[in-house]
Amino acid sequence: MINAIEVDDLRKVYRSQAGVTVAALNGVSLQVPEGRIFGLLGTNGAGKSTLVKLLSTCGTPTSGTARIFGFDVVRQPLEARQKMAVVLQQSASESLLNVKDNLFIYAYLHGLSKRDAKARVSRVVEEFELGELLTTAVQELSLGTKRRIQIAKIFMLDSPLIILDEATTGMDPMMKRRLMDRLRAEAKQGRTILLTTQVLSEAEELCDNIMILDKGRAMASGTLHELRNRSAQTFRVSLSFGDTNVDIGELLADLCPADLQISGRNAEMLIRGGETSLLEKLAAVSRAATIQEFQVRGATLEDIFMDIVEEVR
């Protein structure tokens, strides 16, 4: 299988205004096979956007290599750019132009004929509900709408790689759902997608493979199943209690949950330990207060993310 992205020991070091040397990326390596959706997760400052900028040839690494379909992003930037469509965190729309002109200029800059551009603009205008905004200057639009325009642009192209940096920022839930459905469809047709996000539910739903970054380093990488195995001793437990005079919060706090949320007679908690230990704890709780219903689930991606990040700090 062809790798759409190959990154080997990539480093990016810069000096802050205070004169301190900062490693925005510190030896990151990854491979993204063609046709996969790959997610980069991390808090602010983890290095996600730095990696995206280097891959999209908007910056030069201090050391290491990165290739897009075999083209080195430093030595062959033009060839690498021709293989991808990118949405960065910063708005890439011409604010003084209206929506229609933004779309057509983008199409022409990427070599589309007038006839082809017209057909593709018409298609994305309908898909991303931009029809009533075509004559509106971009600077007058909300952040979420500007994001829609950026996303619409990349779907006018046939680039085999799509890179999205926090692409759903400001989007309403319906448009976000439409984008996620479209990304799945594009991947099924063979396009490769690299996305960064802090919305862990998006990554959990979309991504074939995930890498967790923290302070410029790769903390963990793999499929969701592989990452979940790292937290095999972590469980999400939902409980519903019958009438009781017992203080539920105090009762469950004695179990030392990693997280505890209580609403009326319902509780949700994160418990670490083996299955036997978990059952013993639930049995002890049931002796003090009647449990009407309970549900035990494996760790969510958010649980895994927090475990891994806290483990290395």
Protein backbone atom coordinates (compact mmCIF):
# COMPACT_ATOMS: atom_id res chain seq x y z
CA MET A 1 0.00 0.00 0.00
CA ILE A 2 1.27 3.49 -0.90
CA ASN A 3 1.92 5.91 1.94
CA ALA A 4 0.34 9.31 1.36
CA ILE A 5 2.38 10.82 4.21
CA GLU A 6 5.75 9.73 5.57
CA VAL A 7 7.33 11.65 8.45
CA ASP A 8 10.68 10.61 9.92
CA ASP A 9 12.13 12.13 13.12
CA LEU A 10 10.71 15.57 12.30
CA ARG A 11 11.86 18.42 14.54
CA LYS A 12 11.02 22.11 14.63
CA VAL A 13 12.88 24.32 17.09
CA TYR A 14 12.51 28.06 17.44
CA ARG A 15 13.58 30.77 19.86
CA SER A 16 10.87 32.60 21.78
CA GLN A 17 10.79 36.37 22.30
CA ALA A 18 12.27 35.76 25.73
CA GLY A 19 15.23 34.02 24.11
CA VAL A 20 14.17 30.55 25.24
CA THR A 21 14.64 27.63 22.85
CA VAL A 22 11.33 25.83 22.28
CA ALA A 23 10.87 22.46 20.54
CA ALA A 24 7.48 22.72 18.83
CA LEU A 25 8.11 19.24 17.37
CA ASN A 26 10.61 16.86 18.90
CA GLY A 27 11.29 13.79 16.79
CA VAL A 28 7.84 12.93 15.44
CA SER A 29 7.53 10.01 13.01
CA LEU A 30 4.41 8.66 11.34
CA GLN A 31 3.07 6.99 8.22
CA VAL A 32 -0.39 7.47 6.74
CA PRO A 33 -1.38 4.89 4.11
CA GLU A 34 -3.39 6.05 1.10
CA GLY A 35 -7.15 6.10 1.66
CA ARG A 36 -7.03 6.37 5.47
CA ILE A 37 -8.33 8.99 7.89
CA PHE A 38 -5.58 9.84 10.36
CA GLY A 39 -6.22 11.97 13.45
CA LEU A 40 -3.73 14.12 15.35
CA LEU A 41 -4.89 14.79 18.90
CA GLY A 42 -3.40 17.08 21.49
CA THR A 43 -3.99 20.10 23.66
CA ASN A 44 -3.05 23.65 22.63
CA GLY A 45 0.70 23.80 22.08
CA ALA A 46 1.03 20.04 21.51
CA GLY A 47 2.53 20.56 18.04
CA LYS A 48 -0.43 19.65 15.83
CA SER A 49 -0.58 22.88 13.84
CA THR A 50 3.21 23.01 13.55
CA LEU A 51 3.21 19.56 11.97
CA VAL A 52 0.43 20.54 9.57
CA LYS A 53 2.29 23.69 8.51
CA LEU A 54 5.45 21.72 7.79
CA LEU A 55 3.55 19.11 5.79
CA SER A 56 1.78 21.80 3.77
CA THR A 57 5.17 23.47 2.98
CA CYS A 58 4.28 26.59 5.01
CA GLY A 59 7.38 26.14 7.14
CA THR A 60 10.76 24.42 7.13
CA PRO A 61 11.70 21.73 9.67
CA THR A 62 14.83 22.09 11.76
CA SER A 63 15.69 18.47 10.99
CA GLY A 64 14.06 15.25 9.85
CA THR A 65 12.09 14.59 6.68
CA ALA A 66 8.49 14.66 5.51
CA ARG A 67 7.14 13.35 2.20
CA ILE A 68 3.77 13.67 0.50
CA PHE A 69 3.26 10.74 -1.90
CA GLY A 70 7.05 10.43 -2.04
CA PHE A 71 7.77 14.14 -2.63
CA ASP A 72 9.99 15.79 -0.04
CA VAL A 73 8.23 18.88 1.33
CA VAL A 74 11.51 20.83 1.50
CA ARG A 75 13.26 19.76 -1.72
CA GLN A 76 10.09 19.26 -3.84
CA PRO A 77 7.52 21.68 -2.37
CA LEU A 78 5.62 22.34 -5.60
CA GLU A 79 5.13 18.66 -6.35
CA ALA A 80 4.04 18.06 -2.75
CA ARG A 81 1.53 20.95 -2.84
CA GLN A 82 0.00 19.62 -6.03
CA LYS A 83 -0.98 16.46 -4.15
CA MET A 84 -2.93 18.15 -1.36
CA ALA A 85 -5.71 20.51 -0.39
CA VAL A 86 -5.24 22.19 2.98
CA VAL A 87 -7.40 24.03 5.51
CA LEU A 88 -5.27 25.75 8.15
CA GLN A 89 -6.53 27.25 11.40
CA GLN A 90 -6.03 30.74 10.01
CA SER A 91 -8.66 31.90 7.55
CA ALA A 92 -7.43 31.54 3.98
CA SER A 93 -10.31 33.47 2.39
CA GLU A 94 -9.95 36.87 0.74
CA SER A 95 -11.96 38.97 3.20
CA LEU A 96 -12.67 41.90 0.87
CA LEU A 97 -14.04 39.68 -1.90
CA ASN A 98 -17.49 38.13 -1.89
CA VAL A 99 -18.08 34.40 -1.52
CA LYS A 100 -18.58 33.77 -5.23
CA ASP A 101 -15.32 35.47 -6.22
CA ASN A 102 -13.45 33.59 -3.49
CA LEU A 103 -14.58 30.26 -4.90
CA PHE A 104 -13.89 31.10 -8.54
CA ILE A 105 -10.45 32.60 -7.90
CA TYR A 106 -9.48 29.51 -5.91
CA ALA A 107 -10.62 27.31 -8.79
CA TYR A 108 -8.68 29.31 -11.38
CA LEU A 109 -5.52 29.36 -9.24
CA HIS A 110 -5.64 25.56 -9.24
CA GLY A 111 -5.87 25.39 -13.01
CA LEU A 112 -9.56 24.60 -13.48
CA SER A 113 -11.12 25.73 -16.75
CA LYS A 114 -13.96 28.27 -16.65
CA ARG A 115 -16.51 25.58 -17.51
CA ASP A 116 -15.17 23.13 -14.91
CA ALA A 117 -14.91 25.84 -12.27
CA LYS A 118 -18.53 26.87 -12.81
CA ALA A 119 -19.75 23.29 -12.39
CA ARG A 120 -17.69 22.68 -9.26
CA VAL A 121 -18.60 26.00 -7.65
CA SER A 122 -22.26 25.26 -8.27
CA ARG A 123 -21.88 21.86 -6.63
CA VAL A 124 -20.19 23.07 -3.42
CA VAL A 125 -22.48 26.08 -3.11
CA GLU A 126 -25.43 23.72 -2.91
CA GLU A 127 -23.71 21.20 -0.63
CA PHE A 128 -22.49 23.79 1.88
CA GLU A 129 -25.56 26.05 1.67
CA LEU A 130 -23.76 29.13 0.40
CA GLY A 131 -26.30 30.21 -2.22
CA GLU A 132 -27.73 33.15 -0.26
CA LEU A 133 -24.24 34.40 0.58
CA LEU A 134 -22.62 34.52 -2.87
CA THR A 135 -22.62 38.32 -3.11
CA THR A 136 -21.68 38.90 0.56
CA ALA A 137 -18.15 40.02 1.43
CA VAL A 138 -16.35 37.34 3.44
CA GLN A 139 -15.32 39.86 6.11
CA GLU A 140 -19.00 40.26 7.05
CA LEU A 141 -19.48 36.56 7.78
CA SER A 142 -19.22 34.60 11.03
CA LEU A 143 -16.26 32.36 11.86
CA GLY A 144 -18.32 29.22 11.20
CA THR A 145 -19.44 30.48 7.78
CA LYS A 146 -15.88 31.44 6.82
CA ARG A 147 -14.90 27.90 7.76
CA ARG A 148 -17.60 26.54 5.46
CA ILE A 149 -16.13 28.53 2.57
CA GLN A 150 -12.66 27.13 3.25
CA ILE A 151 -14.02 23.59 3.39
CA ALA A 152 -16.06 24.12 0.22
CA LYS A 153 -12.91 25.16 -1.64
CA ILE A 154 -11.04 21.93 -1.02
CA PHE A 155 -13.93 19.86 -2.35
CA MET A 156 -13.66 21.62 -5.69
CA LEU A 157 -10.30 19.91 -6.15
CA ASP A 158 -9.34 16.31 -6.83
CA SER A 159 -6.19 16.37 -4.68
CA PRO A 160 -5.54 12.88 -3.28
CA LEU A 161 -4.67 14.28 0.18
CA ILE A 162 -6.84 16.53 2.36
CA ILE A 163 -5.30 18.17 5.44
CA LEU A 164 -7.67 19.79 7.92
CA ASP A 165 -6.44 21.75 10.94
CA GLU A 166 -9.31 22.15 13.46
CA ALA A 167 -11.67 22.23 10.49
CA THR A 168 -14.97 22.20 12.40
CA THR A 169 -14.21 25.24 14.57
CA GLY A 170 -17.32 27.43 14.77
CA MET A 171 -19.46 25.12 12.64
CA ASP A 172 -23.04 24.40 13.63
CA PRO A 173 -23.87 20.74 14.45
CA MET A 174 -25.71 20.07 11.19
CA MET A 175 -22.90 21.35 8.99
CA LYS A 176 -20.34 19.52 11.12
CA ARG A 177 -22.26 16.27 10.59
CA ARG A 178 -22.42 16.91 6.84
CA LEU A 179 -18.67 17.46 6.70
CA MET A 180 -17.95 14.27 8.64
CA ASP A 181 -20.18 12.26 6.31
CA ARG A 182 -18.41 13.77 3.31
CA LEU A 183 -14.97 12.93 4.71
CA ARG A 184 -15.98 9.30 5.18
CA ALA A 185 -17.23 9.16 1.60
CA GLU A 186 -14.01 10.69 0.27
CA ALA A 187 -11.89 8.16 2.17
CA LYS A 188 -13.95 5.30 0.75
CA GLN A 189 -13.13 6.62 -2.72
CA GLY A 190 -9.42 6.49 -1.94
CA ARG A 191 -8.60 10.02 -0.73
CA THR A 192 -6.36 10.33 2.31
CA ILE A 193 -7.36 12.66 5.14
CA LEU A 194 -5.20 14.04 7.92
CA LEU A 195 -7.07 16.04 10.55
CA THR A 196 -6.22 17.71 13.81
CA THR A 197 -8.88 18.20 16.44
CA GLN A 198 -9.49 18.78 20.11
CA VAL A 199 -13.01 17.37 19.74
CA LEU A 200 -12.21 13.81 20.71
CA SER A 201 -15.64 12.47 19.74
CA GLU A 202 -14.91 13.51 16.13
CA ALA A 203 -11.66 11.56 16.08
CA GLU A 204 -13.30 8.56 17.73
CA GLU A 205 -16.02 8.51 15.10
CA LEU A 206 -13.93 9.27 12.02
CA CYS A 207 -10.33 8.12 12.31
CA ASP A 208 -8.79 4.83 11.27
CA ASN A 209 -5.59 5.69 13.13
CA ILE A 210 -4.81 8.24 15.81
CA MET A 211 -1.65 9.85 17.18
CA ILE A 212 -1.61 11.69 20.50
CA LEU A 213 0.87 14.56 20.68
CA ASP A 214 2.00 16.38 23.80
CA LYS A 215 4.64 19.10 23.99
CA GLY A 216 5.96 18.23 20.55
CA ARG A 217 6.31 14.50 21.17
CA ALA A 218 4.26 11.54 19.99
CA MET A 219 2.89 9.92 23.15
CA ALA A 220 0.92 7.10 21.54
CA SER A 221 -0.24 5.98 18.11
CA GLY A 222 -2.46 3.28 16.69
CA THR A 223 -6.04 2.32 15.99
CA LEU A 224 -8.69 3.19 18.53
CA HIS A 225 -8.74 -0.49 19.55
CA GLU A 226 -4.97 -0.49 20.11
CA LEU A 227 -5.12 2.70 22.15
CA ARG A 228 -8.05 1.39 24.15
CA ASN A 229 -5.99 -1.69 25.07
CA ARG A 230 -3.60 0.67 26.83
CA SER A 231 -6.52 1.55 29.09
CA ALA A 232 -7.90 -1.97 29.43
CA GLN A 233 -8.10 -1.48 33.20
CA THR A 234 -10.27 1.63 32.89
CA PHE A 235 -14.07 1.51 32.83
CA ARG A 236 -16.96 3.93 32.51
CA VAL A 237 -19.75 2.97 34.93
CA SER A 238 -23.31 4.35 34.85
CA LEU A 239 -25.51 3.75 37.91
CA SER A 240 -29.17 4.42 38.73
CA PHE A 241 -30.18 4.13 42.38
CA GLY A 242 -33.57 3.50 43.96
CA ASP A 243 -34.91 5.52 46.89
CA THR A 244 -32.17 5.86 49.45
CA ASN A 245 -31.16 8.08 52.34
CA VAL A 246 -27.51 7.41 51.67
CA ASP A 247 -25.41 10.28 50.30
CA ILE A 248 -24.63 8.87 46.84
CA GLY A 249 -21.76 11.25 46.26
CA GLU A 250 -20.09 10.30 49.51
CA LEU A 251 -20.71 6.58 48.90
CA LEU A 252 -19.14 6.63 45.43
CA ALA A 253 -16.32 8.94 46.44
CA ASP A 254 -15.10 6.17 48.74
CA LEU A 255 -14.35 4.14 45.58
CA CYS A 256 -11.81 6.80 44.55
CA PRO A 257 -13.13 7.21 40.98
CA ALA A 258 -10.92 9.10 38.53
CA ASP A 259 -14.03 11.05 37.55
CA LEU A 260 -17.49 11.29 39.15
CA GLN A 261 -20.64 13.02 37.91
CA ILE A 262 -23.93 12.86 39.85
CA SER A 263 -27.40 13.98 38.74
CA GLY A 264 -30.19 13.15 41.18
CA ARG A 265 -30.11 9.38 41.73
CA ASN A 266 -27.97 8.80 38.61
CA ALA A 267 -24.20 8.67 38.58
CA GLU A 268 -21.45 8.33 35.99
CA MET A 269 -17.92 7.49 37.08
CA LEU A 270 -14.54 6.47 35.72
CA ILE A 271 -13.02 3.54 37.61
CA ARG A 272 -9.49 2.17 37.20
CA GLY A 273 -8.73 -1.44 38.07
CA GLY A 274 -9.39 -4.98 36.84
CA GLU A 275 -12.84 -6.43 36.20
CA THR A 276 -12.80 -8.42 39.44
CA SER A 277 -11.96 -5.31 41.42
CA LEU A 278 -14.74 -3.40 39.65
CA LEU A 279 -17.37 -6.05 40.46
CA GLU A 280 -16.27 -6.13 44.08
CA LYS A 281 -16.65 -2.36 44.31
CA LEU A 282 -20.13 -2.43 42.77
CA ALA A 283 -21.19 -5.21 45.14
CA ALA A 284 -20.07 -3.09 48.11
CA VAL A 285 -22.06 -0.13 46.79
CA SER A 286 -25.20 -2.25 46.31
CA ARG A 287 -25.08 -3.33 49.96
CA ALA A 288 -25.31 0.29 51.04
CA ALA A 289 -27.85 1.53 48.45
CA THR A 290 -30.09 -0.30 45.97
CA ILE A 291 -28.78 -0.17 42.39
CA GLN A 292 -31.69 -0.34 39.97
CA GLU A 293 -29.61 -0.26 36.78
CA PHE A 294 -25.95 -0.22 35.91
CA GLN A 295 -23.89 -0.22 32.73
CA VAL A 296 -20.17 -0.84 32.34
CA ARG A 297 -18.35 0.38 29.24
CA GLY A 298 -14.77 0.50 28.09
CA ALA A 299 -12.80 3.73 28.18
CA THR A 300 -13.69 6.48 25.71
CA LEU A 301 -11.06 8.16 23.56
CA GLU A 302 -11.19 11.12 25.93
CA ASP A 303 -10.41 8.81 28.86
CA ILE A 304 -7.52 7.26 26.93
CA PHE A 305 -6.22 10.67 25.91
CA MET A 306 -6.21 11.98 29.48
CA ASP A 307 -4.60 8.77 30.78
CA ILE A 308 -1.76 8.93 28.27
CA VAL A 309 -1.09 12.66 28.66
CA GLU A 310 -1.19 12.51 32.47
CA GLU A 311 1.00 9.40 32.46
CA VAL A 312 3.91 11.18 30.80
CA ARG A 313 3.67 14.50 32.61
